[in-house]
mmCIF file of all heavy atoms, coordinates in Angstrom:
data_MODEL
# 
_entry.id   MODEL 
# 
loop_
_atom_site.group_PDB 
_atom_site.id 
_atom_site.type_symbol 
_atom_site.label_atom_id 
_atom_site.label_alt_id 
_atom_site.label_comp_id 
_atom_site.label_asym_id 
_atom_site.label_entity_id 
_atom_site.label_seq_id 
_atom_site.pdbx_PDB_ins_code 
_atom_site.Cartn_x 
_atom_site.Cartn_y 
_atom_site.Cartn_z 
_atom_site.occupancy 
_atom_site.B_iso_or_equiv 
_atom_site.pdbx_formal_charge 
_atom_site.auth_seq_id 
_atom_site.auth_comp_id 
_atom_site.auth_asym_id 
_atom_site.auth_atom_id 
_atom_site.pdbx_PDB_model_num 
ATOM 1   N N   . GLN A 1 1  ? 14.176  34.296 12.968 1.00 0.00 ? 1  GLN A N   1 
ATOM 2   C CA  . GLN A 1 1  ? 13.307  33.139 13.112 1.00 0.00 ? 1  GLN A CA  1 
ATOM 3   C C   . GLN A 1 1  ? 14.110  31.878 12.850 1.00 0.00 ? 1  GLN A C   1 
ATOM 4   O O   . GLN A 1 1  ? 15.068  31.888 12.084 1.00 0.00 ? 1  GLN A O   1 
ATOM 5   C CB  . GLN A 1 1  ? 12.099  33.217 12.193 1.00 0.00 ? 1  GLN A CB  1 
ATOM 6   C CG  . GLN A 1 1  ? 12.410  33.214 10.719 1.00 0.00 ? 1  GLN A CG  1 
ATOM 7   C CD  . GLN A 1 1  ? 11.146  33.379 9.875  1.00 0.00 ? 1  GLN A CD  1 
ATOM 8   O OE1 . GLN A 1 1  ? 10.053  33.572 10.383 1.00 0.00 ? 1  GLN A OE1 1 
ATOM 9   N NE2 . GLN A 1 1  ? 11.295  33.298 8.570  1.00 0.00 ? 1  GLN A NE2 1 
ATOM 10  N N   . GLN A 1 2  ? 13.725  30.810 13.516 1.00 0.00 ? 2  GLN A N   1 
ATOM 11  C CA  . GLN A 1 2  ? 14.396  29.535 13.300 1.00 0.00 ? 2  GLN A CA  1 
ATOM 12  C C   . GLN A 1 2  ? 13.957  28.982 11.946 1.00 0.00 ? 2  GLN A C   1 
ATOM 13  O O   . GLN A 1 2  ? 12.779  29.042 11.600 1.00 0.00 ? 2  GLN A O   1 
ATOM 14  C CB  . GLN A 1 2  ? 14.033  28.546 14.404 1.00 0.00 ? 2  GLN A CB  1 
ATOM 15  C CG  . GLN A 1 2  ? 14.603  28.934 15.747 1.00 0.00 ? 2  GLN A CG  1 
ATOM 16  C CD  . GLN A 1 2  ? 14.197  27.948 16.821 1.00 0.00 ? 2  GLN A CD  1 
ATOM 17  O OE1 . GLN A 1 2  ? 13.127  27.398 16.802 1.00 0.00 ? 2  GLN A OE1 1 
ATOM 18  N NE2 . GLN A 1 2  ? 15.090  27.752 17.762 1.00 0.00 ? 2  GLN A NE2 1 
ATOM 19  N N   . PRO A 1 3  ? 14.897  28.430 11.181 1.00 0.00 ? 3  PRO A N   1 
ATOM 20  C CA  . PRO A 1 3  ? 14.498  27.843 9.901  1.00 0.00 ? 3  PRO A CA  1 
ATOM 21  C C   . PRO A 1 3  ? 13.607  26.621 10.121 1.00 0.00 ? 3  PRO A C   1 
ATOM 22  O O   . PRO A 1 3  ? 13.753  25.903 11.113 1.00 0.00 ? 3  PRO A O   1 
ATOM 23  C CB  . PRO A 1 3  ? 15.824  27.459 9.240  1.00 0.00 ? 3  PRO A CB  1 
ATOM 24  C CG  . PRO A 1 3  ? 16.867  27.564 10.289 1.00 0.00 ? 3  PRO A CG  1 
ATOM 25  C CD  . PRO A 1 3  ? 16.322  28.362 11.421 1.00 0.00 ? 3  PRO A CD  1 
ATOM 26  N N   . ASP A 1 4  ? 12.701  26.417 9.218  1.00 0.00 ? 4  ASP A N   1 
ATOM 27  C CA  . ASP A 1 4  ? 11.744  25.312 9.304  1.00 0.00 ? 4  ASP A CA  1 
ATOM 28  C C   . ASP A 1 4  ? 12.375  24.081 8.658  1.00 0.00 ? 4  ASP A C   1 
ATOM 29  O O   . ASP A 1 4  ? 12.111  23.774 7.500  1.00 0.00 ? 4  ASP A O   1 
ATOM 30  C CB  . ASP A 1 4  ? 10.451  25.719 8.590  1.00 0.00 ? 4  ASP A CB  1 
ATOM 31  C CG  . ASP A 1 4  ? 9.346   24.709 8.750  1.00 0.00 ? 4  ASP A CG  1 
ATOM 32  O OD1 . ASP A 1 4  ? 9.523   23.726 9.498  1.00 0.00 ? 4  ASP A OD1 1 
ATOM 33  O OD2 . ASP A 1 4  ? 8.301   24.888 8.125  1.00 0.00 ? 4  ASP A OD2 1 
ATOM 34  N N   . THR A 1 5  ? 13.222  23.387 9.420  1.00 0.00 ? 5  THR A N   1 
ATOM 35  C CA  . THR A 1 5  ? 13.949  22.248 8.860  1.00 0.00 ? 5  THR A CA  1 
ATOM 36  C C   . THR A 1 5  ? 13.692  20.948 9.618  1.00 0.00 ? 5  THR A C   1 
ATOM 37  O O   . THR A 1 5  ? 14.272  19.925 9.270  1.00 0.00 ? 5  THR A O   1 
ATOM 38  C CB  . THR A 1 5  ? 15.462  22.524 8.868  1.00 0.00 ? 5  THR A CB  1 
ATOM 39  O OG1 . THR A 1 5  ? 15.873  22.814 10.205 1.00 0.00 ? 5  THR A OG1 1 
ATOM 40  C CG2 . THR A 1 5  ? 15.816  23.680 7.954  1.00 0.00 ? 5  THR A CG2 1 
ATOM 41  N N   . ALA A 1 6  ? 12.844  20.972 10.620 1.00 0.00 ? 6  ALA A N   1 
ATOM 42  C CA  . ALA A 1 6  ? 12.604  19.758 11.411 1.00 0.00 ? 6  ALA A CA  1 
ATOM 43  C C   . ALA A 1 6  ? 11.947  18.686 10.544 1.00 0.00 ? 6  ALA A C   1 
ATOM 44  O O   . ALA A 1 6  ? 11.131  18.979 9.676  1.00 0.00 ? 6  ALA A O   1 
ATOM 45  C CB  . ALA A 1 6  ? 11.713  20.080 12.610 1.00 0.00 ? 6  ALA A CB  1 
ATOM 46  N N   . ALA A 1 7  ? 12.312  17.452 10.802 1.00 0.00 ? 7  ALA A N   1 
ATOM 47  C CA  . ALA A 1 7  ? 11.729  16.328 10.069 1.00 0.00 ? 7  ALA A CA  1 
ATOM 48  C C   . ALA A 1 7  ? 10.261  16.163 10.462 1.00 0.00 ? 7  ALA A C   1 
ATOM 49  O O   . ALA A 1 7  ? 9.874   16.436 11.604 1.00 0.00 ? 7  ALA A O   1 
ATOM 50  C CB  . ALA A 1 7  ? 12.500  15.050 10.374 1.00 0.00 ? 7  ALA A CB  1 
ATOM 51  N N   . GLU A 1 8  ? 9.463   15.736 9.510  1.00 0.00 ? 8  GLU A N   1 
ATOM 52  C CA  . GLU A 1 8  ? 8.041   15.495 9.776  1.00 0.00 ? 8  GLU A CA  1 
ATOM 53  C C   . GLU A 1 8  ? 7.871   14.168 10.508 1.00 0.00 ? 8  GLU A C   1 
ATOM 54  O O   . GLU A 1 8  ? 8.631   13.238 10.282 1.00 0.00 ? 8  GLU A O   1 
ATOM 55  C CB  . GLU A 1 8  ? 7.258   15.470 8.466  1.00 0.00 ? 8  GLU A CB  1 
ATOM 56  C CG  . GLU A 1 8  ? 7.263   16.778 7.726  1.00 0.00 ? 8  GLU A CG  1 
ATOM 57  C CD  . GLU A 1 8  ? 6.665   17.922 8.516  1.00 0.00 ? 8  GLU A CD  1 
ATOM 58  O OE1 . GLU A 1 8  ? 5.827   17.703 9.400  1.00 0.00 ? 8  GLU A OE1 1 
ATOM 59  O OE2 . GLU A 1 8  ? 7.052   19.068 8.252  1.00 0.00 ? 8  GLU A OE2 1 
ATOM 60  N N   . ASP A 1 9  ? 6.834   14.087 11.327 1.00 0.00 ? 9  ASP A N   1 
ATOM 61  C CA  . ASP A 1 9  ? 6.515   12.854 12.035 1.00 0.00 ? 9  ASP A CA  1 
ATOM 62  C C   . ASP A 1 9  ? 5.035   12.546 11.864 1.00 0.00 ? 9  ASP A C   1 
ATOM 63  O O   . ASP A 1 9  ? 4.228   12.854 12.744 1.00 0.00 ? 9  ASP A O   1 
ATOM 64  C CB  . ASP A 1 9  ? 6.875   12.981 13.524 1.00 0.00 ? 9  ASP A CB  1 
ATOM 65  C CG  . ASP A 1 9  ? 6.639   11.703 14.297 1.00 0.00 ? 9  ASP A CG  1 
ATOM 66  O OD1 . ASP A 1 9  ? 6.420   10.641 13.665 1.00 0.00 ? 9  ASP A OD1 1 
ATOM 67  O OD2 . ASP A 1 9  ? 6.669   11.750 15.539 1.00 0.00 ? 9  ASP A OD2 1 
ATOM 68  N N   . PRO A 1 10 ? 4.646   11.959 10.718 1.00 0.00 ? 10 PRO A N   1 
ATOM 69  C CA  . PRO A 1 10 ? 3.231   11.665 10.485 1.00 0.00 ? 10 PRO A CA  1 
ATOM 70  C C   . PRO A 1 10 ? 2.607   10.781 11.563 1.00 0.00 ? 10 PRO A C   1 
ATOM 71  O O   . PRO A 1 10 ? 1.395   10.831 11.770 1.00 0.00 ? 10 PRO A O   1 
ATOM 72  C CB  . PRO A 1 10 ? 3.231   10.964 9.129  1.00 0.00 ? 10 PRO A CB  1 
ATOM 73  C CG  . PRO A 1 10 ? 4.460   11.469 8.441  1.00 0.00 ? 10 PRO A CG  1 
ATOM 74  C CD  . PRO A 1 10 ? 5.465   11.633 9.549  1.00 0.00 ? 10 PRO A CD  1 
ATOM 75  N N   . ALA A 1 11 ? 3.423   10.027 12.284 1.00 0.00 ? 11 ALA A N   1 
ATOM 76  C CA  . ALA A 1 11 ? 2.882   9.185  13.361 1.00 0.00 ? 11 ALA A CA  1 
ATOM 77  C C   . ALA A 1 11 ? 2.310   10.045 14.491 1.00 0.00 ? 11 ALA A C   1 
ATOM 78  O O   . ALA A 1 11 ? 1.441   9.581  15.246 1.00 0.00 ? 11 ALA A O   1 
ATOM 79  C CB  . ALA A 1 11 ? 3.968   8.259  13.892 1.00 0.00 ? 11 ALA A CB  1 
ATOM 80  N N   . ALA A 1 12 ? 2.770   11.297 14.594 1.00 0.00 ? 12 ALA A N   1 
ATOM 81  C CA  . ALA A 1 12 ? 2.280   12.190 15.647 1.00 0.00 ? 12 ALA A CA  1 
ATOM 82  C C   . ALA A 1 12 ? 1.055   12.993 15.203 1.00 0.00 ? 12 ALA A C   1 
ATOM 83  O O   . ALA A 1 12 ? 0.447   13.689 16.007 1.00 0.00 ? 12 ALA A O   1 
ATOM 84  C CB  . ALA A 1 12 ? 3.389   13.148 16.083 1.00 0.00 ? 12 ALA A CB  1 
ATOM 85  N N   . TRP A 1 13 ? 0.699   12.896 13.930 1.00 0.00 ? 13 TRP A N   1 
ATOM 86  C CA  . TRP A 1 13 ? -0.460  13.624 13.437 1.00 0.00 ? 13 TRP A CA  1 
ATOM 87  C C   . TRP A 1 13 ? -1.729  13.031 14.031 1.00 0.00 ? 13 TRP A C   1 
ATOM 88  O O   . TRP A 1 13 ? -1.795  11.838 14.339 1.00 0.00 ? 13 TRP A O   1 
ATOM 89  C CB  . TRP A 1 13 ? -0.536  13.562 11.927 1.00 0.00 ? 13 TRP A CB  1 
ATOM 90  C CG  . TRP A 1 13 ? 0.602   14.264 11.224 1.00 0.00 ? 13 TRP A CG  1 
ATOM 91  C CD1 . TRP A 1 13 ? 1.596   15.013 11.784 1.00 0.00 ? 13 TRP A CD1 1 
ATOM 92  C CD2 . TRP A 1 13 ? 0.857   14.255 9.825  1.00 0.00 ? 13 TRP A CD2 1 
ATOM 93  N NE1 . TRP A 1 13 ? 2.447   15.477 10.818 1.00 0.00 ? 13 TRP A NE1 1 
ATOM 94  C CE2 . TRP A 1 13 ? 2.019   15.032 9.602  1.00 0.00 ? 13 TRP A CE2 1 
ATOM 95  C CE3 . TRP A 1 13 ? 0.225   13.678 8.745  1.00 0.00 ? 13 TRP A CE3 1 
ATOM 96  C CZ2 . TRP A 1 13 ? 2.562   15.236 8.335  1.00 0.00 ? 13 TRP A CZ2 1 
ATOM 97  C CZ3 . TRP A 1 13 ? 0.754   13.889 7.478  1.00 0.00 ? 13 TRP A CZ3 1 
ATOM 98  C CH2 . TRP A 1 13 ? 1.907   14.662 7.278  1.00 0.00 ? 13 TRP A CH2 1 
ATOM 99  N N   . GLN A 1 14 ? -2.745  13.860 14.170 1.00 0.00 ? 14 GLN A N   1 
ATOM 100 C CA  . GLN A 1 14 ? -3.981  13.438 14.825 1.00 0.00 ? 14 GLN A CA  1 
ATOM 101 C C   . GLN A 1 14 ? -5.190  13.775 13.940 1.00 0.00 ? 14 GLN A C   1 
ATOM 102 O O   . GLN A 1 14 ? -5.369  14.924 13.546 1.00 0.00 ? 14 GLN A O   1 
ATOM 103 C CB  . GLN A 1 14 ? -4.096  14.154 16.175 1.00 0.00 ? 14 GLN A CB  1 
ATOM 104 C CG  . GLN A 1 14 ? -5.328  13.831 16.938 1.00 0.00 ? 14 GLN A CG  1 
ATOM 105 C CD  . GLN A 1 14 ? -5.447  14.674 18.203 1.00 0.00 ? 14 GLN A CD  1 
ATOM 106 O OE1 . GLN A 1 14 ? -4.720  15.637 18.413 1.00 0.00 ? 14 GLN A OE1 1 
ATOM 107 N NE2 . GLN A 1 14 ? -6.385  14.298 19.039 1.00 0.00 ? 14 GLN A NE2 1 
ATOM 108 N N   . VAL A 1 15 ? -6.003  12.760 13.665 1.00 0.00 ? 15 VAL A N   1 
ATOM 109 C CA  . VAL A 1 15 ? -7.272  12.992 12.976 1.00 0.00 ? 15 VAL A CA  1 
ATOM 110 C C   . VAL A 1 15 ? -8.234  13.531 14.025 1.00 0.00 ? 15 VAL A C   1 
ATOM 111 O O   . VAL A 1 15 ? -8.456  12.901 15.057 1.00 0.00 ? 15 VAL A O   1 
ATOM 112 C CB  . VAL A 1 15 ? -7.825  11.694 12.349 1.00 0.00 ? 15 VAL A CB  1 
ATOM 113 C CG1 . VAL A 1 15 ? -9.194  11.948 11.731 1.00 0.00 ? 15 VAL A CG1 1 
ATOM 114 C CG2 . VAL A 1 15 ? -6.856  11.137 11.317 1.00 0.00 ? 15 VAL A CG2 1 
ATOM 115 N N   . VAL A 1 16 ? -8.809  14.717 13.767 1.00 0.00 ? 16 VAL A N   1 
ATOM 116 C CA  . VAL A 1 16 ? -9.647  15.376 14.767 1.00 0.00 ? 16 VAL A CA  1 
ATOM 117 C C   . VAL A 1 16 ? -11.121 15.423 14.380 1.00 0.00 ? 16 VAL A C   1 
ATOM 118 O O   . VAL A 1 16 ? -11.944 15.910 15.150 1.00 0.00 ? 16 VAL A O   1 
ATOM 119 C CB  . VAL A 1 16 ? -9.126  16.802 15.075 1.00 0.00 ? 16 VAL A CB  1 
ATOM 120 C CG1 . VAL A 1 16 ? -7.748  16.748 15.727 1.00 0.00 ? 16 VAL A CG1 1 
ATOM 121 C CG2 . VAL A 1 16 ? -9.108  17.665 13.821 1.00 0.00 ? 16 VAL A CG2 1 
ATOM 122 N N   . THR A 1 17 ? -11.455 14.903 13.213 1.00 0.00 ? 17 THR A N   1 
ATOM 123 C CA  . THR A 1 17 ? -12.841 14.898 12.742 1.00 0.00 ? 17 THR A CA  1 
ATOM 124 C C   . THR A 1 17 ? -13.400 13.483 12.807 1.00 0.00 ? 17 THR A C   1 
ATOM 125 O O   . THR A 1 17 ? -12.656 12.512 12.954 1.00 0.00 ? 17 THR A O   1 
ATOM 126 C CB  . THR A 1 17 ? -12.917 15.407 11.283 1.00 0.00 ? 17 THR A CB  1 
ATOM 127 O OG1 . THR A 1 17 ? -11.938 14.714 10.502 1.00 0.00 ? 17 THR A OG1 1 
ATOM 128 C CG2 . THR A 1 17 ? -12.690 16.900 11.217 1.00 0.00 ? 17 THR A CG2 1 
ATOM 129 N N   . ARG A 1 18 ? -14.722 13.394 12.692 1.00 0.00 ? 18 ARG A N   1 
ATOM 130 C CA  . ARG A 1 18 ? -15.361 12.070 12.687 1.00 0.00 ? 18 ARG A CA  1 
ATOM 131 C C   . ARG A 1 18 ? -14.903 11.249 11.491 1.00 0.00 ? 18 ARG A C   1 
ATOM 132 O O   . ARG A 1 18 ? -14.695 10.053 11.597 1.00 0.00 ? 18 ARG A O   1 
ATOM 133 C CB  . ARG A 1 18 ? -16.888 12.219 12.674 1.00 0.00 ? 18 ARG A CB  1 
ATOM 134 C CG  . ARG A 1 18 ? -17.443 12.718 13.999 1.00 0.00 ? 18 ARG A CG  1 
ATOM 135 C CD  . ARG A 1 18 ? -18.967 12.600 14.060 1.00 0.00 ? 18 ARG A CD  1 
ATOM 136 N NE  . ARG A 1 18 ? -19.658 13.420 13.069 1.00 0.00 ? 18 ARG A NE  1 
ATOM 137 C CZ  . ARG A 1 18 ? -20.161 14.619 13.315 1.00 0.00 ? 18 ARG A CZ  1 
ATOM 138 N NH1 . ARG A 1 18 ? -20.055 15.162 14.511 1.00 0.00 ? 18 ARG A NH1 1 
ATOM 139 N NH2 . ARG A 1 18 ? -20.779 15.288 12.361 1.00 0.00 ? 18 ARG A NH2 1 
ATOM 140 N N   . ARG A 1 19 ? -14.764 11.906 10.347 1.00 0.00 ? 19 ARG A N   1 
ATOM 141 C CA  . ARG A 1 19 ? -14.299 11.197 9.154  1.00 0.00 ? 19 ARG A CA  1 
ATOM 142 C C   . ARG A 1 19 ? -12.789 11.307 9.055  1.00 0.00 ? 19 ARG A C   1 
ATOM 143 O O   . ARG A 1 19 ? -12.220 12.395 9.086  1.00 0.00 ? 19 ARG A O   1 
ATOM 144 C CB  . ARG A 1 19 ? -14.940 11.786 7.886  1.00 0.00 ? 19 ARG A CB  1 
ATOM 145 C CG  . ARG A 1 19 ? -14.609 10.978 6.630  1.00 0.00 ? 19 ARG A CG  1 
ATOM 146 C CD  . ARG A 1 19 ? -15.319 11.502 5.402  1.00 0.00 ? 19 ARG A CD  1 
ATOM 147 N NE  . ARG A 1 19 ? -14.636 12.605 4.754  1.00 0.00 ? 19 ARG A NE  1 
ATOM 148 C CZ  . ARG A 1 19 ? -13.538 12.489 4.008  1.00 0.00 ? 19 ARG A CZ  1 
ATOM 149 N NH1 . ARG A 1 19 ? -12.954 11.331 3.839  1.00 0.00 ? 19 ARG A NH1 1 
ATOM 150 N NH2 . ARG A 1 19 ? -13.018 13.557 3.434  1.00 0.00 ? 19 ARG A NH2 1 
ATOM 151 N N   . ALA A 1 20 ? -12.141 10.157 8.949  1.00 0.00 ? 20 ALA A N   1 
ATOM 152 C CA  . ALA A 1 20 ? -10.694 10.132 8.743  1.00 0.00 ? 20 ALA A CA  1 
ATOM 153 C C   . ALA A 1 20 ? -10.415 10.183 7.241  1.00 0.00 ? 20 ALA A C   1 
ATOM 154 O O   . ALA A 1 20 ? -11.229 9.717  6.438  1.00 0.00 ? 20 ALA A O   1 
ATOM 155 C CB  . ALA A 1 20 ? -10.098 8.861  9.337  1.00 0.00 ? 20 ALA A CB  1 
ATOM 156 N N   . PRO A 1 21 ? -9.271  10.729 6.848  1.00 0.00 ? 21 PRO A N   1 
ATOM 157 C CA  . PRO A 1 21 ? -8.940  10.719 5.435  1.00 0.00 ? 21 PRO A CA  1 
ATOM 158 C C   . PRO A 1 21 ? -8.705  9.285  4.962  1.00 0.00 ? 21 PRO A C   1 
ATOM 159 O O   . PRO A 1 21 ? -8.162  8.472  5.705  1.00 0.00 ? 21 PRO A O   1 
ATOM 160 C CB  . PRO A 1 21 ? -7.658  11.553 5.351  1.00 0.00 ? 21 PRO A CB  1 
ATOM 161 C CG  . PRO A 1 21 ? -7.110  11.608 6.728  1.00 0.00 ? 21 PRO A CG  1 
ATOM 162 C CD  . PRO A 1 21 ? -8.250  11.387 7.662  1.00 0.00 ? 21 PRO A CD  1 
ATOM 163 N N   . ASP A 1 22 ? -9.128  8.987  3.726  1.00 0.00 ? 22 ASP A N   1 
ATOM 164 C CA  . ASP A 1 22 ? -8.837  7.656  3.190  1.00 0.00 ? 22 ASP A CA  1 
ATOM 165 C C   . ASP A 1 22 ? -7.364  7.621  2.770  1.00 0.00 ? 22 ASP A C   1 
ATOM 166 O O   . ASP A 1 22 ? -6.639  8.622  2.884  1.00 0.00 ? 22 ASP A O   1 
ATOM 167 C CB  . ASP A 1 22 ? -9.803  7.299  2.045  1.00 0.00 ? 22 ASP A CB  1 
ATOM 168 C CG  . ASP A 1 22 ? -9.672  8.197  0.820  1.00 0.00 ? 22 ASP A CG  1 
ATOM 169 O OD1 . ASP A 1 22 ? -8.576  8.720  0.547  1.00 0.00 ? 22 ASP A OD1 1 
ATOM 170 O OD2 . ASP A 1 22 ? -10.690 8.368  0.122  1.00 0.00 ? 22 ASP A OD2 1 
ATOM 171 N N   . ALA A 1 23 ? -6.900  6.486  2.290  1.00 0.00 ? 23 ALA A N   1 
ATOM 172 C CA  . ALA A 1 23 ? -5.473  6.312  1.971  1.00 0.00 ? 23 ALA A CA  1 
ATOM 173 C C   . ALA A 1 23 ? -4.994  7.306  0.914  1.00 0.00 ? 23 ALA A C   1 
ATOM 174 O O   . ALA A 1 23 ? -3.904  7.873  1.035  1.00 0.00 ? 23 ALA A O   1 
ATOM 175 C CB  . ALA A 1 23 ? -5.217  4.878  1.517  1.00 0.00 ? 23 ALA A CB  1 
ATOM 176 N N   . ASP A 1 24 ? -5.797  7.543  -0.130 1.00 0.00 ? 24 ASP A N   1 
ATOM 177 C CA  . ASP A 1 24 ? -5.402  8.489  -1.173 1.00 0.00 ? 24 ASP A CA  1 
ATOM 178 C C   . ASP A 1 24 ? -5.344  9.912  -0.625 1.00 0.00 ? 24 ASP A C   1 
ATOM 179 O O   . ASP A 1 24 ? -4.418  10.675 -0.934 1.00 0.00 ? 24 ASP A O   1 
ATOM 180 C CB  . ASP A 1 24 ? -6.370  8.427  -2.357 1.00 0.00 ? 24 ASP A CB  1 
ATOM 181 C CG  . ASP A 1 24 ? -6.238  7.133  -3.151 1.00 0.00 ? 24 ASP A CG  1 
ATOM 182 O OD1 . ASP A 1 24 ? -5.174  6.479  -3.077 1.00 0.00 ? 24 ASP A OD1 1 
ATOM 183 O OD2 . ASP A 1 24 ? -7.209  6.782  -3.850 1.00 0.00 ? 24 ASP A OD2 1 
ATOM 184 N N   . GLU A 1 25 ? -6.349  10.268 0.170  1.00 0.00 ? 25 GLU A N   1 
ATOM 185 C CA  . GLU A 1 25 ? -6.358  11.614 0.767  1.00 0.00 ? 25 GLU A CA  1 
ATOM 186 C C   . GLU A 1 25 ? -5.166  11.792 1.693  1.00 0.00 ? 25 GLU A C   1 
ATOM 187 O O   . GLU A 1 25 ? -4.540  12.859 1.702  1.00 0.00 ? 25 GLU A O   1 
ATOM 188 C CB  . GLU A 1 25 ? -7.664  11.836 1.531  1.00 0.00 ? 25 GLU A CB  1 
ATOM 189 C CG  . GLU A 1 25 ? -8.875  11.979 0.645  1.00 0.00 ? 25 GLU A CG  1 
ATOM 190 C CD  . GLU A 1 25 ? -10.190 11.944 1.407  1.00 0.00 ? 25 GLU A CD  1 
ATOM 191 O OE1 . GLU A 1 25 ? -10.233 11.407 2.549  1.00 0.00 ? 25 GLU A OE1 1 
ATOM 192 O OE2 . GLU A 1 25 ? -11.187 12.455 0.860  1.00 0.00 ? 25 GLU A OE2 1 
ATOM 193 N N   . LEU A 1 26 ? -4.846  10.770 2.474  1.00 0.00 ? 26 LEU A N   1 
ATOM 194 C CA  . LEU A 1 26 ? -3.711  10.874 3.398  1.00 0.00 ? 26 LEU A CA  1 
ATOM 195 C C   . LEU A 1 26 ? -2.405  11.070 2.627  1.00 0.00 ? 26 LEU A C   1 
ATOM 196 O O   . LEU A 1 26 ? -1.562  11.888 3.011  1.00 0.00 ? 26 LEU A O   1 
ATOM 197 C CB  . LEU A 1 26 ? -3.639  9.645  4.304  1.00 0.00 ? 26 LEU A CB  1 
ATOM 198 C CG  . LEU A 1 26 ? -2.617  9.726  5.431  1.00 0.00 ? 26 LEU A CG  1 
ATOM 199 C CD1 . LEU A 1 26 ? -2.852  10.946 6.322  1.00 0.00 ? 26 LEU A CD1 1 
ATOM 200 C CD2 . LEU A 1 26 ? -2.658  8.457  6.261  1.00 0.00 ? 26 LEU A CD2 1 
ATOM 201 N N   . ALA A 1 27 ? -2.236  10.344 1.534  1.00 0.00 ? 27 ALA A N   1 
ATOM 202 C CA  . ALA A 1 27 ? -1.034  10.527 0.712  1.00 0.00 ? 27 ALA A CA  1 
ATOM 203 C C   . ALA A 1 27 ? -0.984  11.951 0.161  1.00 0.00 ? 27 ALA A C   1 
ATOM 204 O O   . ALA A 1 27 ? 0.084   12.585 0.163  1.00 0.00 ? 27 ALA A O   1 
ATOM 205 C CB  . ALA A 1 27 ? -1.016  9.511  -0.423 1.00 0.00 ? 27 ALA A CB  1 
ATOM 206 N N   . ASP A 1 28 ? -2.128  12.454 -0.294 1.00 0.00 ? 28 ASP A N   1 
ATOM 207 C CA  . ASP A 1 28 ? -2.167  13.830 -0.801 1.00 0.00 ? 28 ASP A CA  1 
ATOM 208 C C   . ASP A 1 28 ? -1.940  14.846 0.311  1.00 0.00 ? 28 ASP A C   1 
ATOM 209 O O   . ASP A 1 28 ? -1.304  15.893 0.091  1.00 0.00 ? 28 ASP A O   1 
ATOM 210 C CB  . ASP A 1 28 ? -3.498  14.102 -1.507 1.00 0.00 ? 28 ASP A CB  1 
ATOM 211 C CG  . ASP A 1 28 ? -3.568  13.440 -2.873 1.00 0.00 ? 28 ASP A CG  1 
ATOM 212 O OD1 . ASP A 1 28 ? -2.508  13.122 -3.456 1.00 0.00 ? 28 ASP A OD1 1 
ATOM 213 O OD2 . ASP A 1 28 ? -4.699  13.242 -3.370 1.00 0.00 ? 28 ASP A OD2 1 
ATOM 214 N N   . LEU A 1 29 ? -2.437  14.574 1.516  1.00 0.00 ? 29 LEU A N   1 
ATOM 215 C CA  . LEU A 1 29 ? -2.198  15.481 2.642  1.00 0.00 ? 29 LEU A CA  1 
ATOM 216 C C   . LEU A 1 29 ? -0.713  15.544 2.964  1.00 0.00 ? 29 LEU A C   1 
ATOM 217 O O   . LEU A 1 29 ? -0.170  16.621 3.238  1.00 0.00 ? 29 LEU A O   1 
ATOM 218 C CB  . LEU A 1 29 ? -2.999  15.042 3.869  1.00 0.00 ? 29 LEU A CB  1 
ATOM 219 C CG  . LEU A 1 29 ? -4.505  15.285 3.793  1.00 0.00 ? 29 LEU A CG  1 
ATOM 220 C CD1 . LEU A 1 29 ? -5.219  14.606 4.956  1.00 0.00 ? 29 LEU A CD1 1 
ATOM 221 C CD2 . LEU A 1 29 ? -4.835  16.771 3.752  1.00 0.00 ? 29 LEU A CD2 1 
# 
């Protein structure tokens, strides 16, 4: 298996629910 070393790109993340996480929740996520 390929090692899981790719850099994260939070800009590509997508909120898929009606409620978006608040700033504290996003930091914790």
